[in-house]
N, C-alpha and C. Protein backbone atom coordinates (compact mmCIF):
# COMPACT_ATOMS: atom_id res chain seq x y z
N MET A 1 -70.06 -39.67 -31.40
CA MET A 1 -69.85 -39.61 -32.83
C MET A 1 -68.36 -39.63 -33.16
N ARG A 2 -67.56 -38.82 -32.45
CA ARG A 2 -66.13 -38.76 -32.69
C ARG A 2 -65.48 -40.12 -32.43
N GLU A 3 -65.90 -40.82 -31.36
CA GLU A 3 -65.36 -42.14 -31.04
C GLU A 3 -65.69 -43.14 -32.13
N ASP A 4 -66.88 -43.01 -32.76
CA ASP A 4 -67.23 -43.91 -33.85
C ASP A 4 -66.27 -43.76 -35.02
N LEU A 5 -65.88 -42.51 -35.30
CA LEU A 5 -64.91 -42.27 -36.36
C LEU A 5 -63.55 -42.86 -36.01
N LEU A 6 -63.18 -42.74 -34.74
CA LEU A 6 -61.92 -43.31 -34.28
C LEU A 6 -61.93 -44.82 -34.46
N VAL A 7 -63.02 -45.46 -34.08
CA VAL A 7 -63.15 -46.91 -34.21
C VAL A 7 -63.02 -47.32 -35.67
N GLN A 8 -63.64 -46.56 -36.56
CA GLN A 8 -63.58 -46.89 -37.98
C GLN A 8 -62.17 -46.70 -38.53
N SER A 9 -61.48 -45.66 -38.08
CA SER A 9 -60.17 -45.36 -38.65
C SER A 9 -59.05 -46.22 -38.07
N VAL A 10 -59.15 -46.65 -36.82
CA VAL A 10 -58.05 -47.40 -36.22
C VAL A 10 -58.37 -48.87 -36.00
N GLY A 11 -59.60 -49.28 -36.14
CA GLY A 11 -59.96 -50.68 -35.96
C GLY A 11 -60.38 -50.98 -34.54
N LEU A 12 -61.25 -51.98 -34.41
CA LEU A 12 -61.82 -52.34 -33.11
C LEU A 12 -60.79 -52.89 -32.13
N ASP A 13 -59.74 -53.52 -32.64
CA ASP A 13 -58.79 -54.13 -31.73
C ASP A 13 -57.49 -53.34 -31.61
N SER A 14 -57.46 -52.11 -32.08
CA SER A 14 -56.25 -51.30 -31.98
C SER A 14 -56.04 -50.86 -30.54
N ASP A 15 -54.80 -50.55 -30.21
CA ASP A 15 -54.48 -50.07 -28.87
C ASP A 15 -55.25 -48.79 -28.55
N GLU A 16 -55.34 -47.90 -29.53
CA GLU A 16 -56.03 -46.63 -29.30
C GLU A 16 -57.50 -46.86 -28.95
N HIS A 17 -58.13 -47.79 -29.67
CA HIS A 17 -59.53 -48.08 -29.39
C HIS A 17 -59.69 -48.72 -28.01
N LEU A 18 -58.79 -49.64 -27.68
CA LEU A 18 -58.87 -50.29 -26.37
C LEU A 18 -58.67 -49.28 -25.25
N VAL A 19 -57.74 -48.35 -25.42
CA VAL A 19 -57.53 -47.32 -24.39
C VAL A 19 -58.76 -46.42 -24.30
N SER A 20 -59.40 -46.10 -25.43
CA SER A 20 -60.61 -45.29 -25.36
C SER A 20 -61.71 -46.03 -24.59
N ARG A 21 -61.76 -47.35 -24.74
CA ARG A 21 -62.72 -48.14 -23.96
C ARG A 21 -62.34 -48.16 -22.48
N ILE A 22 -61.06 -48.24 -22.19
CA ILE A 22 -60.61 -48.20 -20.79
C ILE A 22 -60.99 -46.87 -20.17
N ARG A 23 -60.88 -45.79 -20.93
CA ARG A 23 -61.27 -44.48 -20.42
C ARG A 23 -62.75 -44.43 -20.05
N ARG A 24 -63.54 -45.27 -20.71
CA ARG A 24 -64.97 -45.38 -20.39
C ARG A 24 -65.21 -46.45 -19.32
N ARG A 25 -64.11 -46.92 -18.70
CA ARG A 25 -64.13 -47.91 -17.60
C ARG A 25 -64.63 -49.28 -18.06
N ASP A 26 -64.18 -49.69 -19.24
CA ASP A 26 -64.52 -51.00 -19.79
C ASP A 26 -63.44 -51.99 -19.36
N GLY A 27 -63.76 -52.81 -18.39
CA GLY A 27 -62.81 -53.79 -17.86
C GLY A 27 -62.38 -54.83 -18.87
N GLU A 28 -63.26 -55.16 -19.80
CA GLU A 28 -62.91 -56.14 -20.84
C GLU A 28 -61.79 -55.61 -21.73
N ALA A 29 -61.79 -54.32 -21.99
CA ALA A 29 -60.73 -53.72 -22.80
C ALA A 29 -59.39 -53.82 -22.08
N LEU A 30 -59.39 -53.58 -20.76
CA LEU A 30 -58.16 -53.73 -19.99
C LEU A 30 -57.66 -55.17 -20.04
N LEU A 31 -58.57 -56.11 -19.94
CA LEU A 31 -58.20 -57.53 -20.02
C LEU A 31 -57.58 -57.85 -21.38
N LEU A 32 -58.12 -57.28 -22.45
CA LEU A 32 -57.55 -57.51 -23.78
C LEU A 32 -56.15 -56.94 -23.89
N VAL A 33 -55.93 -55.75 -23.34
CA VAL A 33 -54.59 -55.15 -23.35
C VAL A 33 -53.64 -56.01 -22.51
N TYR A 34 -54.12 -56.47 -21.37
CA TYR A 34 -53.30 -57.33 -20.50
C TYR A 34 -52.88 -58.60 -21.24
N ARG A 35 -53.83 -59.24 -21.88
CA ARG A 35 -53.51 -60.47 -22.62
C ARG A 35 -52.53 -60.21 -23.76
N ARG A 36 -52.65 -59.06 -24.37
CA ARG A 36 -51.80 -58.73 -25.52
C ARG A 36 -50.35 -58.47 -25.10
N TYR A 37 -50.14 -57.80 -23.96
CA TYR A 37 -48.81 -57.32 -23.62
C TYR A 37 -48.20 -57.90 -22.35
N ARG A 38 -48.92 -58.73 -21.63
CA ARG A 38 -48.43 -59.19 -20.33
C ARG A 38 -47.09 -59.91 -20.41
N LEU A 39 -46.87 -60.73 -21.43
CA LEU A 39 -45.63 -61.51 -21.50
C LEU A 39 -44.42 -60.61 -21.73
N ARG A 40 -44.56 -59.63 -22.59
CA ARG A 40 -43.43 -58.71 -22.84
C ARG A 40 -43.14 -57.84 -21.63
N VAL A 41 -44.19 -57.35 -21.00
CA VAL A 41 -44.02 -56.50 -19.82
C VAL A 41 -43.43 -57.32 -18.69
N PHE A 42 -43.93 -58.54 -18.50
CA PHE A 42 -43.43 -59.41 -17.44
C PHE A 42 -41.95 -59.74 -17.65
N ALA A 43 -41.55 -59.98 -18.89
CA ALA A 43 -40.15 -60.31 -19.18
C ALA A 43 -39.22 -59.18 -18.74
N LEU A 44 -39.62 -57.94 -19.00
CA LEU A 44 -38.80 -56.80 -18.59
C LEU A 44 -38.72 -56.71 -17.06
N ILE A 45 -39.86 -56.84 -16.40
CA ILE A 45 -39.90 -56.74 -14.94
C ILE A 45 -39.03 -57.83 -14.31
N LEU A 46 -39.17 -59.05 -14.80
CA LEU A 46 -38.42 -60.18 -14.25
C LEU A 46 -36.92 -59.97 -14.47
N ARG A 47 -36.55 -59.43 -15.61
CA ARG A 47 -35.13 -59.18 -15.89
C ARG A 47 -34.56 -58.16 -14.89
N ILE A 48 -35.36 -57.19 -14.48
CA ILE A 48 -34.90 -56.17 -13.53
C ILE A 48 -34.89 -56.70 -12.10
N LEU A 49 -35.98 -57.36 -11.69
CA LEU A 49 -36.12 -57.77 -10.29
C LEU A 49 -35.51 -59.14 -9.98
N LYS A 50 -35.43 -60.01 -10.99
CA LYS A 50 -34.89 -61.36 -10.80
C LYS A 50 -35.61 -62.13 -9.68
N ASN A 51 -36.91 -61.91 -9.59
CA ASN A 51 -37.71 -62.54 -8.55
C ASN A 51 -39.13 -62.68 -9.10
N ARG A 52 -39.52 -63.93 -9.39
CA ARG A 52 -40.80 -64.18 -10.06
C ARG A 52 -42.01 -63.70 -9.26
N PRO A 53 -42.15 -64.04 -7.97
CA PRO A 53 -43.33 -63.57 -7.24
C PRO A 53 -43.43 -62.03 -7.19
N LEU A 54 -42.29 -61.39 -7.00
CA LEU A 54 -42.26 -59.94 -6.96
C LEU A 54 -42.60 -59.36 -8.33
N ALA A 55 -42.08 -59.98 -9.38
CA ALA A 55 -42.35 -59.53 -10.74
C ALA A 55 -43.85 -59.65 -11.06
N GLU A 56 -44.48 -60.70 -10.57
CA GLU A 56 -45.92 -60.87 -10.80
C GLU A 56 -46.72 -59.76 -10.13
N GLU A 57 -46.28 -59.35 -8.93
CA GLU A 57 -46.96 -58.25 -8.24
C GLU A 57 -46.81 -56.95 -9.02
N VAL A 58 -45.59 -56.68 -9.48
CA VAL A 58 -45.35 -55.44 -10.22
C VAL A 58 -46.11 -55.45 -11.54
N LEU A 59 -46.22 -56.62 -12.18
CA LEU A 59 -46.99 -56.72 -13.42
C LEU A 59 -48.43 -56.26 -13.19
N GLN A 60 -49.03 -56.71 -12.10
CA GLN A 60 -50.40 -56.29 -11.79
C GLN A 60 -50.46 -54.79 -11.56
N ASP A 61 -49.42 -54.25 -10.90
CA ASP A 61 -49.38 -52.80 -10.65
C ASP A 61 -49.32 -52.00 -11.95
N VAL A 62 -48.60 -52.52 -12.94
CA VAL A 62 -48.48 -51.82 -14.22
C VAL A 62 -49.86 -51.65 -14.87
N PHE A 63 -50.62 -52.74 -14.90
CA PHE A 63 -51.93 -52.66 -15.55
C PHE A 63 -52.94 -51.91 -14.69
N GLN A 64 -52.72 -51.91 -13.39
CA GLN A 64 -53.55 -51.08 -12.50
C GLN A 64 -53.30 -49.61 -12.80
N ARG A 65 -52.05 -49.28 -13.08
CA ARG A 65 -51.71 -47.90 -13.45
C ARG A 65 -52.41 -47.49 -14.72
N LEU A 66 -52.47 -48.38 -15.70
CA LEU A 66 -53.18 -48.06 -16.95
C LEU A 66 -54.64 -47.77 -16.64
N TRP A 67 -55.23 -48.57 -15.78
CA TRP A 67 -56.64 -48.38 -15.42
C TRP A 67 -56.84 -47.06 -14.68
N ASP A 68 -55.96 -46.79 -13.70
CA ASP A 68 -56.12 -45.60 -12.87
C ASP A 68 -55.67 -44.30 -13.54
N TYR A 69 -54.64 -44.39 -14.38
CA TYR A 69 -54.04 -43.19 -14.97
C TYR A 69 -54.05 -43.24 -16.50
N HIS A 70 -55.12 -43.75 -17.06
CA HIS A 70 -55.23 -43.90 -18.51
C HIS A 70 -55.02 -42.60 -19.26
N GLU A 71 -55.35 -41.47 -18.60
CA GLU A 71 -55.21 -40.18 -19.27
C GLU A 71 -53.74 -39.82 -19.53
N LYS A 72 -52.82 -40.48 -18.84
CA LYS A 72 -51.39 -40.19 -19.04
C LYS A 72 -50.85 -40.80 -20.33
N PHE A 73 -51.59 -41.76 -20.88
CA PHE A 73 -51.16 -42.34 -22.15
C PHE A 73 -51.67 -41.46 -23.28
N ASP A 74 -50.74 -41.01 -24.12
CA ASP A 74 -51.09 -40.18 -25.28
C ASP A 74 -50.59 -40.90 -26.53
N PRO A 75 -51.51 -41.43 -27.36
CA PRO A 75 -51.09 -42.16 -28.55
C PRO A 75 -50.29 -41.32 -29.52
N ALA A 76 -50.41 -40.00 -29.44
CA ALA A 76 -49.62 -39.13 -30.32
C ALA A 76 -48.14 -39.14 -29.94
N LYS A 77 -47.84 -39.51 -28.68
CA LYS A 77 -46.45 -39.51 -28.22
C LYS A 77 -45.77 -40.86 -28.36
N GLY A 78 -46.52 -41.91 -28.62
CA GLY A 78 -45.89 -43.21 -28.76
C GLY A 78 -46.89 -44.33 -28.63
N GLN A 79 -46.38 -45.55 -28.76
CA GLN A 79 -47.23 -46.73 -28.71
C GLN A 79 -47.55 -47.12 -27.27
N LEU A 80 -48.65 -47.83 -27.11
CA LEU A 80 -49.08 -48.28 -25.78
C LEU A 80 -48.04 -49.21 -25.16
N LEU A 81 -47.48 -50.12 -25.95
CA LEU A 81 -46.48 -51.03 -25.40
C LEU A 81 -45.30 -50.26 -24.83
N ALA A 82 -44.84 -49.24 -25.52
CA ALA A 82 -43.72 -48.43 -25.01
C ALA A 82 -44.09 -47.77 -23.68
N TRP A 83 -45.33 -47.27 -23.59
CA TRP A 83 -45.80 -46.65 -22.35
C TRP A 83 -45.83 -47.67 -21.21
N LEU A 84 -46.37 -48.86 -21.50
CA LEU A 84 -46.44 -49.92 -20.48
C LEU A 84 -45.04 -50.34 -20.04
N LEU A 85 -44.10 -50.46 -20.98
CA LEU A 85 -42.73 -50.85 -20.63
C LEU A 85 -42.04 -49.78 -19.79
N THR A 86 -42.33 -48.53 -20.08
CA THR A 86 -41.76 -47.44 -19.28
C THR A 86 -42.30 -47.48 -17.86
N VAL A 87 -43.61 -47.67 -17.73
CA VAL A 87 -44.21 -47.78 -16.39
C VAL A 87 -43.63 -48.99 -15.66
N ALA A 88 -43.51 -50.12 -16.36
CA ALA A 88 -42.96 -51.34 -15.75
C ALA A 88 -41.54 -51.12 -15.27
N ARG A 89 -40.73 -50.49 -16.09
CA ARG A 89 -39.34 -50.22 -15.71
C ARG A 89 -39.29 -49.33 -14.48
N ASN A 90 -40.06 -48.25 -14.48
CA ASN A 90 -40.05 -47.32 -13.35
C ASN A 90 -40.53 -47.98 -12.07
N LEU A 91 -41.62 -48.74 -12.14
CA LEU A 91 -42.12 -49.42 -10.94
C LEU A 91 -41.13 -50.45 -10.44
N SER A 92 -40.49 -51.17 -11.35
CA SER A 92 -39.50 -52.19 -10.96
C SER A 92 -38.31 -51.56 -10.26
N LEU A 93 -37.80 -50.48 -10.83
CA LEU A 93 -36.65 -49.80 -10.22
C LEU A 93 -37.02 -49.18 -8.88
N ASP A 94 -38.23 -48.62 -8.79
CA ASP A 94 -38.69 -48.09 -7.49
C ASP A 94 -38.75 -49.19 -6.45
N HIS A 95 -39.28 -50.34 -6.85
CA HIS A 95 -39.40 -51.46 -5.92
C HIS A 95 -38.02 -51.96 -5.49
N LYS A 96 -37.10 -52.01 -6.43
CA LYS A 96 -35.74 -52.46 -6.13
C LYS A 96 -35.07 -51.50 -5.15
N ARG A 97 -35.23 -50.21 -5.35
CA ARG A 97 -34.65 -49.22 -4.43
C ARG A 97 -35.28 -49.34 -3.04
N LYS A 98 -36.60 -49.51 -3.01
CA LYS A 98 -37.29 -49.63 -1.72
C LYS A 98 -36.83 -50.88 -0.97
N GLU A 99 -36.67 -52.00 -1.68
CA GLU A 99 -36.22 -53.24 -1.05
C GLU A 99 -34.79 -53.12 -0.53
N SER A 100 -33.93 -52.41 -1.26
CA SER A 100 -32.55 -52.27 -0.80
C SER A 100 -32.50 -51.41 0.45
N ARG A 101 -33.34 -50.37 0.52
CA ARG A 101 -33.40 -49.56 1.75
C ARG A 101 -33.96 -50.38 2.90
N ARG A 102 -34.99 -51.18 2.63
CA ARG A 102 -35.61 -52.00 3.66
C ARG A 102 -34.62 -53.05 4.18
N ALA A 103 -33.84 -53.64 3.29
CA ALA A 103 -32.87 -54.65 3.69
C ALA A 103 -31.77 -54.04 4.55
N ALA A 104 -31.45 -52.78 4.30
CA ALA A 104 -30.40 -52.12 5.07
C ALA A 104 -30.88 -51.72 6.46
N HIS A 105 -32.19 -51.62 6.66
CA HIS A 105 -32.73 -51.19 7.95
C HIS A 105 -33.82 -52.14 8.42
N HIS A 106 -33.46 -53.37 8.71
CA HIS A 106 -34.44 -54.34 9.20
C HIS A 106 -34.97 -53.89 10.56
N VAL A 107 -36.26 -54.01 10.72
CA VAL A 107 -36.88 -53.74 12.01
C VAL A 107 -37.65 -55.00 12.38
N TYR A 108 -37.35 -55.54 13.52
CA TYR A 108 -37.97 -56.78 13.95
C TYR A 108 -38.95 -56.50 15.08
N PRO A 109 -39.96 -57.34 15.22
CA PRO A 109 -40.96 -57.12 16.27
C PRO A 109 -40.35 -57.22 17.66
N ASP A 110 -40.95 -56.51 18.60
CA ASP A 110 -40.55 -56.56 20.00
C ASP A 110 -39.10 -56.15 20.22
N GLY A 111 -38.56 -55.32 19.36
CA GLY A 111 -37.21 -54.81 19.56
C GLY A 111 -36.11 -55.83 19.36
N ILE A 112 -36.38 -56.91 18.65
CA ILE A 112 -35.34 -57.90 18.39
C ILE A 112 -34.30 -57.26 17.49
N ASP A 113 -33.06 -57.31 17.89
CA ASP A 113 -32.00 -56.75 17.06
C ASP A 113 -31.55 -57.74 16.02
N GLN A 114 -31.03 -57.22 14.92
CA GLN A 114 -30.48 -58.08 13.88
C GLN A 114 -29.21 -58.73 14.40
N LEU A 115 -29.06 -60.03 14.15
CA LEU A 115 -27.84 -60.72 14.53
C LEU A 115 -26.69 -60.22 13.69
N ASP A 116 -25.53 -60.16 14.26
CA ASP A 116 -24.35 -59.78 13.50
C ASP A 116 -24.04 -60.88 12.49
N PRO A 117 -23.69 -60.53 11.24
CA PRO A 117 -23.44 -61.55 10.24
C PRO A 117 -22.37 -62.56 10.63
N VAL A 118 -21.36 -62.15 11.33
CA VAL A 118 -20.33 -63.09 11.77
C VAL A 118 -20.10 -62.85 13.26
N PRO A 119 -20.89 -63.52 14.12
CA PRO A 119 -20.81 -63.24 15.55
C PRO A 119 -19.41 -63.39 16.13
N ALA A 120 -18.65 -64.34 15.64
CA ALA A 120 -17.33 -64.57 16.20
C ALA A 120 -16.41 -63.37 15.98
N MET A 121 -16.69 -62.55 14.96
CA MET A 121 -15.85 -61.40 14.68
C MET A 121 -16.33 -60.15 15.41
N ASN A 122 -17.44 -60.23 16.10
CA ASN A 122 -17.98 -59.09 16.83
C ASN A 122 -17.36 -59.09 18.22
N PRO A 123 -16.52 -58.13 18.56
CA PRO A 123 -15.83 -58.14 19.85
C PRO A 123 -16.78 -57.97 21.04
N SER A 124 -18.00 -57.50 20.81
CA SER A 124 -18.93 -57.31 21.92
C SER A 124 -19.57 -58.63 22.37
N LEU A 125 -19.44 -59.68 21.56
CA LEU A 125 -20.02 -60.97 21.91
C LEU A 125 -18.92 -61.90 22.43
N ASP A 126 -19.16 -62.40 23.62
CA ASP A 126 -18.18 -63.33 24.16
C ASP A 126 -18.39 -64.71 23.53
N PRO A 127 -17.39 -65.58 23.55
CA PRO A 127 -17.50 -66.90 22.92
C PRO A 127 -18.68 -67.72 23.43
N ALA A 128 -19.04 -67.57 24.70
CA ALA A 128 -20.17 -68.33 25.26
C ALA A 128 -21.47 -67.90 24.59
N THR A 129 -21.63 -66.60 24.35
CA THR A 129 -22.84 -66.09 23.69
C THR A 129 -22.90 -66.59 22.25
N VAL A 130 -21.76 -66.56 21.57
CA VAL A 130 -21.71 -67.06 20.20
C VAL A 130 -22.12 -68.53 20.17
N GLN A 131 -21.59 -69.31 21.09
CA GLN A 131 -21.94 -70.74 21.15
C GLN A 131 -23.43 -70.91 21.47
N SER A 132 -23.96 -70.10 22.35
CA SER A 132 -25.38 -70.17 22.70
C SER A 132 -26.25 -69.85 21.48
N LEU A 133 -25.85 -68.82 20.73
CA LEU A 133 -26.59 -68.47 19.51
C LEU A 133 -26.63 -69.66 18.56
N ARG A 134 -25.49 -70.29 18.39
CA ARG A 134 -25.43 -71.43 17.46
C ARG A 134 -26.26 -72.60 17.97
N GLN A 135 -26.27 -72.83 19.29
CA GLN A 135 -27.06 -73.93 19.84
C GLN A 135 -28.55 -73.68 19.64
N VAL A 136 -28.99 -72.47 19.89
CA VAL A 136 -30.41 -72.15 19.71
C VAL A 136 -30.77 -72.26 18.22
N LEU A 137 -29.90 -71.78 17.37
CA LEU A 137 -30.12 -71.87 15.93
C LEU A 137 -30.29 -73.32 15.51
N ASP A 138 -29.52 -74.21 16.09
CA ASP A 138 -29.61 -75.64 15.74
C ASP A 138 -30.91 -76.28 16.19
N THR A 139 -31.62 -75.66 17.13
CA THR A 139 -32.89 -76.24 17.60
C THR A 139 -34.09 -75.82 16.74
N LEU A 140 -33.88 -74.85 15.86
CA LEU A 140 -34.98 -74.35 15.03
C LEU A 140 -35.35 -75.36 13.96
N PRO A 141 -36.61 -75.33 13.49
CA PRO A 141 -36.97 -76.15 12.32
C PRO A 141 -36.05 -75.81 11.14
N ALA A 142 -35.78 -76.78 10.31
CA ALA A 142 -34.81 -76.62 9.22
C ALA A 142 -35.11 -75.41 8.34
N GLU A 143 -36.38 -75.15 8.03
CA GLU A 143 -36.73 -74.03 7.15
C GLU A 143 -36.34 -72.70 7.78
N GLN A 144 -36.62 -72.56 9.09
CA GLN A 144 -36.29 -71.31 9.77
C GLN A 144 -34.78 -71.16 9.93
N LYS A 145 -34.11 -72.24 10.26
CA LYS A 145 -32.65 -72.20 10.41
C LYS A 145 -31.99 -71.80 9.10
N THR A 146 -32.44 -72.38 8.00
CA THR A 146 -31.84 -72.10 6.70
C THR A 146 -31.97 -70.63 6.33
N VAL A 147 -33.18 -70.05 6.48
CA VAL A 147 -33.35 -68.65 6.09
C VAL A 147 -32.55 -67.72 6.99
N LEU A 148 -32.47 -68.04 8.28
CA LEU A 148 -31.68 -67.19 9.18
C LEU A 148 -30.19 -67.26 8.85
N GLU A 149 -29.69 -68.45 8.59
CA GLU A 149 -28.27 -68.60 8.26
C GLU A 149 -27.93 -67.88 6.96
N LEU A 150 -28.76 -68.09 5.94
CA LEU A 150 -28.49 -67.44 4.66
C LEU A 150 -28.64 -65.92 4.75
N SER A 151 -29.60 -65.48 5.53
CA SER A 151 -29.83 -64.05 5.67
C SER A 151 -28.71 -63.38 6.47
N TYR A 152 -28.38 -63.93 7.61
CA TYR A 152 -27.46 -63.25 8.51
C TYR A 152 -26.00 -63.62 8.28
N TYR A 153 -25.72 -64.84 7.94
CA TYR A 153 -24.33 -65.25 7.77
C TYR A 153 -23.83 -65.05 6.35
N GLU A 154 -24.74 -65.07 5.36
CA GLU A 154 -24.31 -64.87 3.98
C GLU A 154 -24.81 -63.56 3.40
N GLY A 155 -25.63 -62.84 4.16
CA GLY A 155 -26.06 -61.51 3.76
C GLY A 155 -27.08 -61.44 2.64
N LEU A 156 -27.83 -62.52 2.40
CA LEU A 156 -28.84 -62.50 1.35
C LEU A 156 -30.03 -61.66 1.79
N THR A 157 -30.59 -60.90 0.87
CA THR A 157 -31.78 -60.10 1.15
C THR A 157 -33.00 -61.01 1.11
N HIS A 158 -34.12 -60.51 1.59
CA HIS A 158 -35.35 -61.31 1.56
C HIS A 158 -35.73 -61.74 0.15
N PRO A 159 -35.72 -60.82 -0.84
CA PRO A 159 -36.04 -61.26 -2.21
C PRO A 159 -35.04 -62.30 -2.74
N GLU A 160 -33.77 -62.14 -2.41
CA GLU A 160 -32.77 -63.12 -2.85
C GLU A 160 -33.03 -64.48 -2.22
N LEU A 161 -33.42 -64.48 -0.95
CA LEU A 161 -33.76 -65.74 -0.28
C LEU A 161 -34.95 -66.40 -0.96
N ALA A 162 -35.98 -65.62 -1.25
CA ALA A 162 -37.18 -66.16 -1.90
C ALA A 162 -36.82 -66.80 -3.23
N GLU A 163 -35.98 -66.12 -4.00
CA GLU A 163 -35.59 -66.66 -5.30
C GLU A 163 -34.74 -67.92 -5.14
N GLN A 164 -33.75 -67.86 -4.27
CA GLN A 164 -32.85 -69.00 -4.10
C GLN A 164 -33.56 -70.23 -3.56
N LEU A 165 -34.50 -70.03 -2.63
CA LEU A 165 -35.19 -71.16 -2.01
C LEU A 165 -36.49 -71.53 -2.73
N GLY A 166 -36.89 -70.75 -3.72
CA GLY A 166 -38.11 -71.05 -4.46
C GLY A 166 -39.37 -70.88 -3.63
N GLU A 167 -39.35 -69.91 -2.73
CA GLU A 167 -40.50 -69.64 -1.86
C GLU A 167 -40.98 -68.21 -2.10
N SER A 168 -42.19 -67.92 -1.64
CA SER A 168 -42.70 -66.56 -1.78
C SER A 168 -42.00 -65.65 -0.77
N LEU A 169 -42.01 -64.35 -1.06
CA LEU A 169 -41.40 -63.38 -0.18
C LEU A 169 -42.07 -63.40 1.19
N GLY A 170 -43.38 -63.55 1.22
CA GLY A 170 -44.11 -63.61 2.49
C GLY A 170 -43.70 -64.80 3.34
N THR A 171 -43.48 -65.96 2.70
CA THR A 171 -43.05 -67.16 3.42
C THR A 171 -41.68 -66.93 4.05
N ILE A 172 -40.78 -66.32 3.29
CA ILE A 172 -39.43 -66.05 3.80
C ILE A 172 -39.50 -65.13 5.02
N LYS A 173 -40.26 -64.06 4.91
CA LYS A 173 -40.37 -63.10 6.02
C LYS A 173 -40.98 -63.76 7.26
N THR A 174 -41.98 -64.62 7.05
CA THR A 174 -42.60 -65.31 8.17
C THR A 174 -41.60 -66.24 8.85
N ARG A 175 -40.83 -66.98 8.07
CA ARG A 175 -39.84 -67.91 8.65
C ARG A 175 -38.79 -67.15 9.45
N ILE A 176 -38.35 -66.02 8.94
CA ILE A 176 -37.36 -65.22 9.67
C ILE A 176 -37.96 -64.70 10.97
N ARG A 177 -39.17 -64.19 10.91
CA ARG A 177 -39.82 -63.65 12.11
C ARG A 177 -40.02 -64.73 13.16
N LEU A 178 -40.53 -65.90 12.74
CA LEU A 178 -40.76 -67.00 13.69
C LEU A 178 -39.45 -67.50 14.29
N GLY A 179 -38.43 -67.62 13.46
CA GLY A 179 -37.13 -68.07 13.96
C GLY A 179 -36.55 -67.10 14.97
N MET A 180 -36.66 -65.80 14.67
CA MET A 180 -36.15 -64.79 15.60
C MET A 180 -36.93 -64.79 16.92
N GLU A 181 -38.25 -64.97 16.82
CA GLU A 181 -39.06 -65.03 18.05
C GLU A 181 -38.67 -66.23 18.90
N LYS A 182 -38.43 -67.38 18.27
CA LYS A 182 -38.02 -68.58 19.02
C LYS A 182 -36.66 -68.38 19.66
N MET A 183 -35.75 -67.74 18.96
CA MET A 183 -34.43 -67.49 19.53
C MET A 183 -34.54 -66.53 20.71
N LYS A 184 -35.33 -65.48 20.57
CA LYS A 184 -35.52 -64.52 21.66
C LYS A 184 -36.13 -65.22 22.88
N HIS A 185 -37.14 -66.05 22.62
CA HIS A 185 -37.79 -66.78 23.70
C HIS A 185 -36.79 -67.71 24.42
N ALA A 186 -35.97 -68.40 23.68
CA ALA A 186 -34.98 -69.31 24.27
C ALA A 186 -34.00 -68.54 25.14
N PHE A 187 -33.58 -67.36 24.72
CA PHE A 187 -32.65 -66.56 25.53
C PHE A 187 -33.32 -66.03 26.78
N HIS A 188 -34.60 -65.64 26.68
CA HIS A 188 -35.30 -65.15 27.87
C HIS A 188 -35.51 -66.24 28.90
N LEU A 189 -35.70 -67.48 28.44
CA LEU A 189 -35.89 -68.59 29.37
C LEU A 189 -34.58 -69.14 29.87
N GLY A 190 -33.48 -68.65 29.32
CA GLY A 190 -32.18 -69.15 29.74
C GLY A 190 -31.87 -70.52 29.20
N LEU A 191 -32.52 -70.91 28.09
CA LEU A 191 -32.28 -72.22 27.51
C LEU A 191 -30.98 -72.27 26.73
N ALA A 192 -30.45 -71.10 26.42
CA ALA A 192 -29.22 -71.08 25.63
C ALA A 192 -28.01 -70.92 26.52
C-alpha cells in the first residue's frame, strides 16, 4: 500500500520508483536506470581512466553496485545520478590505484624477471647480453616486439599500451607474456 502511494506521488518512471523496483529485484528497473544514466556515468569513468575497455568494465561494476547495494542509496540525501557518479568516481580511482601498484610490481610466470628499461645503462649486463636481448627481441612477432619495447624501453603501463595500440588490456597482457616466454626459451636454448 505504501509503495502504491509512492508510485502515485513520484511517478512510474522516477528514480525513486525505479530504485524501489530494484529493491524488489526487478531487473527491468535496473536496465531502465542503466539506459537513463550510462552515458553520463561512462563519460566520468573514461575521463578518469582514459582507457575505453577498462571504463566499460567499471561502468558495469557501478550498476552492479546499485543492484547489490541498493539500500545504500537514500533519495532523501540526494539524486540517484549523484550517487551513481560518486560510486563511479570511487571505483575508477580505486582501479587506477590498483593498476599503478600492479605496474610497479610486475610478476611474470616461471620467475621471469622484468627487463631493465635501458639495458645498456645497467652495469650488471655486459654488452654481449644486451646485444643478445636485442637479437631475440628482433625475432619476435611484430605485435609482441612492439608491446615489449613500449613497455620496457618507454615505461608504458599495460592500460597505456592498450589505449595507445587500440587493443584490449587482456590482449596486451597476453602479448607481453608470450613475448617474455619466447625470450626466456631462446636464452635457455642458447639461441641468443
